[in-house]
Each structure stands twice: as C-alpha cells, then as structure tokens.
Protein backbone atom coordinates (compact mmCIF):
# COMPACT_ATOMS: atom_id res chain seq x y z
CA MET A 1 19.59 -14.17 14.38
CA VAL A 2 20.69 -11.71 17.05
CA VAL A 3 19.54 -11.02 20.60
CA VAL A 4 17.69 -7.70 20.80
CA THR A 5 15.93 -5.30 23.20
CA ASP A 6 15.58 -5.34 26.95
CA LYS A 7 13.44 -8.49 26.59
CA LYS A 8 16.44 -10.32 25.06
CA TYR A 9 14.62 -12.12 22.27
CA TYR A 10 16.01 -13.25 18.93
CA MET A 11 15.27 -11.43 15.70
CA ASP A 12 16.47 -11.87 12.12
CA ASN A 13 19.60 -9.80 11.38
CA PHE A 14 18.33 -8.37 8.10
CA LEU A 15 15.00 -7.39 9.65
CA VAL A 16 16.83 -5.65 12.51
CA LYS A 17 18.82 -3.60 9.99
CA LYS A 18 15.61 -2.53 8.22
CA LEU A 19 14.03 -1.48 11.53
CA ASP A 20 17.18 0.44 12.46
CA LEU A 21 16.88 2.41 9.22
CA MET A 22 13.25 3.17 10.03
CA ALA A 23 14.29 4.45 13.46
CA ASP A 24 16.78 6.73 11.70
CA ARG A 25 13.97 8.05 9.50
CA THR A 26 12.10 9.33 12.56
CA GLU A 27 15.08 11.52 13.39
CA LYS A 28 14.43 13.25 10.06
CA LYS A 29 10.79 13.87 11.00
CA MET A 30 9.41 10.99 8.93
CA ASP A 31 6.85 8.38 9.90
CA ASN A 32 6.91 4.68 9.02
CA LEU A 33 4.16 2.30 7.93
CA ILE A 34 4.77 -1.46 7.77
CA LEU A 35 2.28 -4.00 6.42
CA ILE A 36 2.12 -7.60 7.63
CA ASP A 37 -0.04 -10.08 5.75
CA GLY A 38 -0.57 -13.83 5.71
CA ASP A 39 -3.16 -16.51 6.26
CA GLU A 40 -5.02 -16.70 9.55
CA GLY A 41 -3.03 -18.38 12.31
CA GLN A 42 0.38 -17.93 10.69
CA GLY A 43 1.67 -15.40 13.22
CA LYS A 44 0.92 -11.90 11.90
CA SER A 45 0.06 -10.49 15.31
CA ASN A 46 3.00 -12.25 16.91
CA LEU A 47 5.52 -10.80 14.46
CA ALA A 48 3.87 -7.37 14.68
CA MET A 49 4.42 -7.26 18.44
CA GLY A 50 8.08 -8.20 18.09
CA VAL A 51 8.65 -5.58 15.39
CA ALA A 52 6.76 -2.88 17.30
CA HIS A 53 8.60 -3.52 20.56
CA TYR A 54 11.98 -3.53 18.84
CA PHE A 55 11.28 -0.20 17.16
CA ALA A 56 10.03 1.29 20.44
CA TRP A 57 13.17 0.12 22.20
CA LYS A 58 15.44 1.42 19.44
CA ALA A 59 13.68 4.79 19.18
CA LYS A 60 13.31 5.12 22.97
CA ARG A 61 9.52 5.02 22.90
CA THR A 62 6.99 3.00 24.88
CA PHE A 63 4.90 0.12 23.58
CA ASN A 64 2.28 -1.91 25.42
CA VAL A 65 -1.20 -3.35 24.89
CA ASP A 66 -2.67 0.18 24.95
CA ASN A 67 -0.86 0.82 21.65
CA VAL A 68 -2.66 -2.11 19.96
CA PHE A 69 -5.95 -1.26 18.26
CA PHE A 70 -8.75 -3.26 16.69
CA ASP A 71 -11.20 -0.36 16.40
CA LEU A 72 -10.17 2.18 13.76
CA ASP A 73 -11.96 5.13 15.33
CA GLU A 74 -9.98 4.62 18.53
CA LEU A 75 -6.75 4.37 16.55
CA ILE A 76 -7.46 7.55 14.57
CA ASN A 77 -8.28 9.55 17.71
CA PHE A 78 -5.12 8.28 19.37
CA ALA A 79 -2.93 9.01 16.36
CA LYS A 80 -4.38 12.50 15.79
CA ASP A 81 -3.93 13.59 19.40
CA THR A 82 -0.39 12.25 19.90
CA LYS A 83 3.00 12.10 18.20
CA ASP A 84 6.04 9.81 18.19
CA LYS A 85 3.97 6.71 19.01
CA VAL A 86 4.29 3.04 18.10
CA ILE A 87 0.90 1.77 16.92
CA VAL A 88 -0.36 -1.64 15.81
CA TRP A 89 -3.67 -1.95 13.94
CA ASP A 90 -4.48 -5.63 14.29
CA GLU A 91 -7.22 -5.94 11.67
CA GLY A 92 -5.95 -9.43 10.94
CA ALA A 93 -7.20 -10.60 14.33
CA LEU A 94 -10.75 -10.01 13.08
CA GLY A 95 -10.14 -12.36 10.19
CA GLY A 96 -11.22 -9.80 7.59
CA MET A 97 -14.82 -10.47 8.57
CA ALA A 98 -16.47 -7.77 6.47
CA ALA A 99 -15.13 -6.54 3.16
CA GLU A 100 -17.39 -3.47 3.02
CA TRP A 101 -16.47 -2.46 6.56
CA TRP A 102 -12.81 -2.72 5.62
CA LYS A 103 -13.19 -0.63 2.45
CA LYS A 104 -14.87 2.16 4.40
CA ASN A 105 -12.30 2.09 7.18
CA GLN A 106 -9.41 1.95 4.76
CA ILE A 107 -10.50 5.29 3.31
CA GLU A 108 -10.60 6.80 6.80
CA PHE A 109 -7.15 5.42 7.52
CA VAL A 110 -5.74 6.86 4.29
CA LYS A 111 -7.13 10.28 5.24
CA LEU A 112 -5.31 10.03 8.56
CA LEU A 113 -2.02 9.10 6.91
CA MET A 114 -2.21 11.95 4.42
CA ILE A 115 -2.39 14.56 7.19
CA ALA A 116 -0.37 12.89 9.97
CA ARG A 117 3.07 12.38 8.42
CA LYS A 118 4.64 15.03 10.63
CA LYS A 119 3.60 13.15 13.77
CA ARG A 120 6.35 10.58 13.15
CA HIS A 121 4.31 7.57 14.22
CA PHE A 122 5.52 4.03 13.60
CA ILE A 123 2.46 2.08 12.45
CA VAL A 124 2.07 -1.63 11.76
CA ILE A 125 -1.03 -2.96 9.95
CA CYS A 126 -1.87 -6.66 10.17
CA ILE A 127 -4.20 -7.79 7.38
CA PRO A 128 -4.90 -11.21 5.84
CA LYS A 129 -4.18 -10.16 2.23
CA PHE A 130 -2.04 -7.21 1.11
CA PHE A 131 -3.99 -6.77 -2.14
CA LYS A 132 -7.11 -5.84 -0.18
CA LEU A 133 -5.37 -2.55 0.52
CA ASN A 134 -5.47 0.20 -2.09
CA GLU A 135 -2.54 1.30 -4.22
CA TYR A 136 -1.72 4.32 -2.09
CA LEU A 137 -1.21 2.22 1.06
CA VAL A 138 0.72 -0.63 -0.55
CA VAL A 139 2.84 1.17 -3.13
CA ASP A 140 3.14 4.80 -2.11
CA ARG A 141 2.80 4.96 1.65
CA SER A 142 4.14 1.81 3.26
CA ILE A 143 7.88 1.39 3.61
CA GLY A 144 7.84 -2.42 3.75
CA LEU A 145 5.70 -5.55 3.60
CA LEU A 146 6.20 -8.70 5.67
CA HIS A 147 4.43 -11.85 4.49
CA VAL A 148 4.21 -14.62 7.09
CA TYR A 149 3.76 -18.28 6.21
CA ALA A 150 4.43 -21.85 7.33
CA ARG A 151 7.20 -23.66 5.48
CA ASN A 152 5.87 -26.86 3.90
CA GLU A 153 2.49 -25.89 5.41
CA ILE A 154 3.80 -27.14 8.78
CA GLU A 155 6.66 -25.04 10.13
CA ARG A 156 5.27 -21.69 11.28
CA GLY A 157 7.40 -18.67 12.04
CA ARG A 158 8.65 -17.83 8.55
CA PHE A 159 8.48 -14.50 6.75
CA VAL A 160 9.45 -12.82 3.49
CA TYR A 161 10.34 -9.12 3.39
CA TYR A 162 9.52 -6.79 0.49
CA GLY A 163 11.09 -3.33 0.31
CA LYS A 164 9.76 -0.43 -1.74
CA SER A 165 10.76 -1.77 -5.17
CA ASN A 166 9.77 -5.43 -4.75
CA LYS A 167 6.58 -4.47 -2.92
CA GLU A 168 5.57 -2.41 -5.92
CA LYS A 169 6.39 -5.25 -8.33
CA LEU A 170 4.42 -7.72 -6.21
CA PHE A 171 1.38 -5.45 -6.13
CA TYR A 172 1.29 -4.67 -9.85
CA ASN A 173 1.98 -8.30 -10.72
CA TRP A 174 -1.10 -9.25 -8.69
CA ARG A 175 -3.07 -6.53 -10.50
CA ARG A 176 -2.17 -8.10 -13.85
CA THR A 177 -2.35 -11.81 -13.01
CA LYS A 178 -4.48 -12.02 -9.83
CA GLN A 179 -1.75 -14.31 -8.47
CA ARG A 180 0.18 -13.77 -5.25
CA ASN A 181 3.75 -14.31 -6.45
CA TYR A 182 5.36 -14.02 -3.04
CA LYS A 183 8.25 -16.23 -4.16
CA ARG A 184 9.09 -14.14 -7.21
CA TYR A 185 9.67 -10.70 -5.73
CA TYR A 186 11.31 -10.22 -2.35
CA ASP A 187 14.33 -8.72 -0.58
CA PHE A 188 15.06 -11.52 1.89
CA ARG A 189 13.58 -14.39 3.85
CA GLY A 190 13.78 -15.01 7.57
CA SER A 191 12.22 -16.60 10.62
CA PHE A 192 10.69 -15.29 13.81
CA LEU A 193 9.91 -16.62 17.27
CA GLU A 194 7.14 -16.18 19.85
CA TYR A 195 7.24 -12.47 20.68
CA LEU A 196 3.77 -11.48 21.85
CA PRO A 197 3.85 -12.86 25.44
CA LYS A 198 7.33 -11.43 25.91
CA VAL A 199 6.46 -7.83 25.07
CA ILE A 200 2.81 -7.17 26.06
CA ASP A 201 0.25 -8.49 28.53
CA GLU A 202 -1.18 -11.45 26.59
CA ALA A 203 -4.32 -11.78 28.73
CA LYS A 204 -5.21 -8.11 28.19
CA TYR A 205 -4.50 -8.46 24.48
CA GLU A 206 -6.83 -11.46 24.13
CA ALA A 207 -9.56 -9.75 26.16
CA LYS A 208 -9.27 -6.64 23.99
CA LYS A 209 -9.47 -8.76 20.83
CA ASP A 210 -12.49 -10.70 22.09
CA ASP A 211 -14.33 -7.45 22.88
CA ALA A 212 -13.58 -6.16 19.39
CA ILE A 213 -14.88 -9.32 17.73
CA MET A 214 -18.06 -9.38 19.81
CA ASN A 215 -18.77 -5.67 19.22
CA PHE A 216 -18.13 -6.08 15.53
CA LYS A 217 -20.58 -8.98 15.24
CA LYS A 218 -23.23 -6.98 17.08
CA GLU A 219 -22.81 -3.93 14.90
CA ALA A 220 -22.22 -5.56 11.51
CA PRO A 221 -25.33 -4.88 9.41
CA LYS A 222 -26.90 -7.38 7.07
CA ILE A 223 -27.40 -5.53 3.79
CA THR A 224 -28.07 -6.43 0.17
CA ASP A 225 -25.46 -6.26 -2.58
CA ALA A 226 -27.27 -3.27 -4.12
CA ALA A 227 -27.22 -1.45 -0.79
CA LYS A 228 -23.55 -2.27 -0.35
CA SER A 229 -22.77 -0.80 -3.77
CA LYS A 230 -24.71 2.38 -2.97
CA MET A 231 -23.02 2.73 0.42
CA LYS A 232 -19.61 2.32 -1.20
CA ARG A 233 -20.35 5.15 -3.65
CA LEU A 234 -21.56 7.40 -0.84
CA TRP A 235 -18.48 6.66 1.30
CA GLU A 236 -16.26 7.46 -1.66
CA GLY A 237 -18.15 10.68 -2.35
CA GLN A 238 -17.78 11.85 1.24
CA ALA A 239 -14.09 10.90 1.32
CA LEU A 240 -13.44 12.59 -2.04
CA LEU A 241 -14.91 15.84 -0.76
CA SER A 242 -12.75 15.61 2.36
CA PHE A 243 -9.63 15.07 0.26
CA ILE A 244 -10.47 18.06 -1.97
CA LYS A 245 -10.88 20.31 1.07
CA VAL A 246 -7.57 19.22 2.60
CA PHE A 247 -5.67 18.93 -0.70
CA PRO A 248 -7.23 21.34 -3.23
CA GLN A 249 -4.26 20.80 -5.56
CA LEU A 250 -5.29 17.19 -6.27
CA THR A 251 -6.59 16.65 -9.80
CA LYS A 252 -9.46 14.38 -10.82
CA GLN A 253 -6.85 11.92 -12.10
CA ASP A 254 -5.05 11.96 -8.73
CA LEU A 255 -8.28 11.23 -6.89
CA ALA A 256 -9.26 8.50 -9.34
CA LYS A 257 -5.92 6.77 -8.87
CA GLY A 258 -6.06 7.03 -5.08
CA PHE A 259 -9.58 5.60 -4.86
CA GLU A 260 -9.07 3.13 -7.71
CA ILE A 261 -12.10 4.33 -9.68
CA PRO A 262 -12.42 5.75 -13.24
CA PRO A 263 -11.80 9.52 -13.53
CA GLN A 264 -15.36 10.08 -14.74
CA ALA A 265 -16.65 8.42 -11.57
CA VAL A 266 -15.07 11.04 -9.31
CA SER A 267 -17.66 13.71 -10.12
CA GLN A 268 -20.46 11.14 -10.05
CA ARG A 269 -19.52 9.98 -6.55
CA ILE A 270 -19.32 13.55 -5.23
CA GLU A 271 -22.61 14.54 -6.86
CA GLY A 272 -24.35 11.46 -5.46
CA TYR A 273 -23.12 12.14 -1.93
CA SER A 274 -24.06 15.83 -2.16
CA LYS A 275 -27.63 14.95 -3.18
CA VAL A 276 -28.03 12.58 -0.23
CA SER A 277 -26.61 15.18 2.18
CA LYS A 278 -29.00 17.87 0.93
CA ALA A 279 -31.96 15.49 1.19
CA LYS A 280 -31.09 14.75 4.82
CA ASN A 281 -30.97 18.48 5.62
C-alpha cells in the first residue's frame, strides 16, 4: 500500500493505478462510473469515500459531503447542471429497502448516463448486490466493480476488483447460474482502511443518511404485487418513450436488451403507458 492524497492515507497500489488511468480518461473528455457492492456493514461507503477523494485529489477537483447523494432526484439535478464533478450515490446506505423503488430509479439513472457522458463526471454507486443493476450499467457503462467483504467472515476491509472483461464474465456467469462467483473472475485483490472520517464530515454524512432513510420510510407506498407489476410496466413504457425521443436510432432489439425485456414487450409497454397518459388527460 502507498500513502496518497493530502490526507495522507494508505491505499492499495493496484487500485491507485486504476484510479490514475480513470483520471487520465477525463482528460480525453470521458466520464467514469465505478460500482461498489457487498453485504451490509462490510465497508462499501467507506471505500467509496476513499476512492472518490483520491480521484478528486488526482484530477484537481473538490469532494465533500455535498457530493454524496442518497436521493436520486437530487443527484440527477446536480449532475445535469454541472460538469467535472465527483459524485457518490450511496444507495447501499439504504440497505436496498425497496426493490421496486430501485428498479424505477435505475431507469432514471440510466437515462442520465446516456446523455451526460460529455460532462466528465466521476460517479461511484454503492449497492448491496451488483446483479440488481441492469446489463447496461454493469457490462456496458461501468469501468470497474469493487466487491467488499470480510475475510473469514471476520476481517473487514477487503476488496476484489473486476475490470471490464472480468466484470462482464462475472455478470453473465450470474445470469446463467444465479451464483455470485466473486472468487472465479477478478483482476486483483486488496485491502482498504478507514477513509470516511478522514475525507468528509462524518457527522454531516450520518445526518444526511438518517434524513434519507426517514424520508424514504415515510414515502414508501404499500402496494400489492399486481400493482407493482403494473407500475413497472408503466415506468418502462414512459422510459422507453424517452429513450426513443433522445435516441431515435435505437431499434426495438436495442431497447429490449437495455431494459431486459422481450422485444415484443417493447411495443406493449409503450402502448400501455400511452393509454394511461391519454386517460389522465
């Protein structure tokens, strides 16, 4: 491990080299998206803060608690109205409390990424399980995946890094087997220390997280499985229409792959959403 940044903390050598390459990418007008997954309490947020601060330091950007988001709408507004920012979406801090909420928000996040590449943001997503993300985010859009874990179920502060190729193999292996073969495909292993209190105001971070959790619990609706299924189809229909308007060159097969639905369902989703919209008007 080497000493890095103005905060003088230790970070794995191989991880530093990967982050240096990502900083170089921004000079070529590219953005970067990193995923961090792992069980609750294993240090996702902690590693995310260390990674984000290092990148900000290397790329001569700023990073503080105001760059950490739990609410997706706030993140999207921030990302759309700015450029060259370091952003952490700490969904993992919510513990993945609502699958339907996450599916809806994931679509909104994908829409942002598809139009915001030129803004050269560096974005870190913390999420409990990488396979909850769709194929576009895991395989096509993210540049790397960090999986955090505790060695022997006791020693926290360990991670495994997956680059583009091994990340793709890991994802498609899960698709086939429904097993998380973290040990089979990876670029390198490493360890990390306690970064969060060194790089951001921990009290403000915890207060921000608590507010997000409380607001989420207040707003989370209790709905039936049938209603959830209908809402999912409507969300997809709305998102599909938005994608077609922004990217008219996309084929039905492209849209089906991006939303992970059968090609014949693309038209059905759009038609269903259009009917509901007309009825409301």
